[in-house]
């Protein structure tokens, strides 16, 4: 469970901003979205393969842009 303790004379806006930053850094929100619906184990492996292909394509595109072989 994430906790953010209010500092002396800290505004509510900055407190909420710090809390949101912690939530994003911990990855809780993304995990909750993924677990919202049941996924078959096979589909999880397919998702991993898709992520690998996407990462490789992105790396290749960056190499082309930078002119690295």
C-alpha atoms as a PDB file:
ATOM      1  CA  UNK A   1       0.000   0.000   0.000  1.00  0.00           C
ATOM      2  CA  UNK A   2       1.353   3.389  -0.969  1.00  0.00           C
ATOM      3  CA  UNK A   3       1.461   6.174   1.553  1.00  0.00           C
ATOM      4  CA  UNK A   4       2.386   9.805   1.196  1.00  0.00           C
ATOM      5  CA  UNK A   5       2.926  11.794   4.351  1.00  0.00           C
ATOM      6  CA  UNK A   6       2.114  15.484   4.179  1.00  0.00           C
ATOM      7  CA  UNK A   7       5.065  17.774   4.793  1.00  0.00           C
ATOM      8  CA  UNK A   8       4.799  20.995   6.789  1.00  0.00           C
ATOM      9  CA  UNK A   9       2.864  23.649   4.897  1.00  0.00           C
ATOM     10  CA  UNK A  10       2.606  21.467   1.771  1.00  0.00           C
ATOM     11  CA  UNK A  11      -0.291  22.231  -0.532  1.00  0.00           C
ATOM     12  CA  UNK A  12      -2.852  19.584  -1.387  1.00  0.00           C
ATOM     13  CA  UNK A  13      -1.951  19.849  -5.073  1.00  0.00           C
ATOM     14  CA  UNK A  14       1.695  18.975  -4.479  1.00  0.00           C
ATOM     15  CA  UNK A  15       0.666  16.139  -2.164  1.00  0.00           C
ATOM     16  CA  UNK A  16      -1.590  14.671  -4.865  1.00  0.00           C
ATOM     17  CA  UNK A  17       1.178  15.158  -7.450  1.00  0.00           C
ATOM     18  CA  UNK A  18       3.664  13.224  -5.280  1.00  0.00           C
ATOM     19  CA  UNK A  19       1.104  10.459  -4.732  1.00  0.00           C
ATOM     20  CA  UNK A  20       0.373  10.162  -8.458  1.00  0.00           C
ATOM     21  CA  UNK A  21       4.094   9.985  -9.183  1.00  0.00           C
ATOM     22  CA  UNK A  22       4.499   7.124  -6.709  1.00  0.00           C
ATOM     23  CA  UNK A  23       1.553   5.262  -8.230  1.00  0.00           C
ATOM     24  CA  UNK A  24       3.022   5.552 -11.733  1.00  0.00           C
ATOM     25  CA  UNK A  25       6.503   4.508 -10.597  1.00  0.00           C
ATOM     26  CA  UNK A  26       5.198   1.451  -8.740  1.00  0.00           C
ATOM     27  CA  UNK A  27       3.259   0.187 -11.778  1.00  0.00           C
ATOM     28  CA  UNK A  28       0.124  -0.551  -9.770  1.00  0.00           C
ATOM     29  CA  UNK A  29      -2.223   1.104 -12.263  1.00  0.00           C
ATOM     30  CA  UNK A  30      -0.920  -0.824 -15.276  1.00  0.00           C
ATOM     31  CA  UNK A  31      -1.074  -4.094 -13.393  1.00  0.00           C
ATOM     32  CA  UNK A  32      -4.663  -3.416 -12.333  1.00  0.00           C
ATOM     33  CA  UNK A  33      -5.646  -2.710 -15.940  1.00  0.00           C
ATOM     34  CA  UNK A  34      -4.031  -5.954 -17.106  1.00  0.00           C
ATOM     35  CA  UNK A  35      -5.762  -7.993 -14.405  1.00  0.00           C
ATOM     36  CA  UNK A  36      -9.155  -6.430 -15.115  1.00  0.00           C
ATOM     37  CA  UNK A  37     -10.051  -9.312 -17.431  1.00  0.00           C
ATOM     38  CA  UNK A  38      -8.970 -12.939 -17.313  1.00  0.00           C
ATOM     39  CA  UNK A  39      -6.351 -13.928 -19.870  1.00  0.00           C
ATOM     40  CA  UNK A  40      -5.592 -17.443 -20.962  1.00  0.00           C
ATOM     41  CA  UNK A  41      -1.965 -18.508 -20.377  1.00  0.00           C
ATOM     42  CA  UNK A  42      -1.496 -18.942 -24.126  1.00  0.00           C
ATOM     43  CA  UNK A  43      -2.530 -15.376 -24.762  1.00  0.00           C
ATOM     44  CA  UNK A  44       0.065 -14.208 -22.238  1.00  0.00           C
ATOM     45  CA  UNK A  45       2.834 -15.892 -24.220  1.00  0.00           C
ATOM     46  CA  UNK A  46       1.431 -14.387 -27.403  1.00  0.00           C
ATOM     47  CA  UNK A  47       1.518 -10.966 -25.758  1.00  0.00           C
ATOM     48  CA  UNK A  48       5.152 -11.499 -24.796  1.00  0.00           C
ATOM     49  CA  UNK A  49       6.011 -12.419 -28.379  1.00  0.00           C
ATOM     50  CA  UNK A  50       4.190  -9.355 -29.677  1.00  0.00           C
ATOM     51  CA  UNK A  51       6.062  -7.151 -27.192  1.00  0.00           C
ATOM     52  CA  UNK A  52       9.389  -8.640 -28.313  1.00  0.00           C
ATOM     53  CA  UNK A  53       8.584  -8.019 -31.982  1.00  0.00           C
ATOM     54  CA  UNK A  54       7.469  -4.474 -31.199  1.00  0.00           C
ATOM     55  CA  UNK A  55      10.674  -3.765 -29.268  1.00  0.00           C
ATOM     56  CA  UNK A  56      12.820  -5.155 -32.093  1.00  0.00           C
ATOM     57  CA  UNK A  57      10.980  -3.051 -34.682  1.00  0.00           C
ATOM     58  CA  UNK A  58      11.436   0.034 -32.531  1.00  0.00           C
ATOM     59  CA  UNK A  59      15.171  -0.650 -32.137  1.00  0.00           C
ATOM     60  CA  UNK A  60      15.532  -1.203 -35.881  1.00  0.00           C
ATOM     61  CA  UNK A  61      13.713   2.042 -36.633  1.00  0.00           C
ATOM     62  CA  UNK A  62      15.990   3.952 -34.242  1.00  0.00           C
ATOM     63  CA  UNK A  63      19.042   2.421 -35.938  1.00  0.00           C
ATOM     64  CA  UNK A  64      17.755   3.584 -39.321  1.00  0.00           C
ATOM     65  CA  UNK A  65      17.128   7.075 -38.005  1.00  0.00           C
ATOM     66  CA  UNK A  66      20.571   7.310 -36.421  1.00  0.00           C
ATOM     67  CA  UNK A  67      22.294   5.595 -39.354  1.00  0.00           C
ATOM     68  CA  UNK A  68      23.752   2.793 -37.221  1.00  0.00           C
ATOM     69  CA  UNK A  69      24.188  -0.659 -38.726  1.00  0.00           C
END
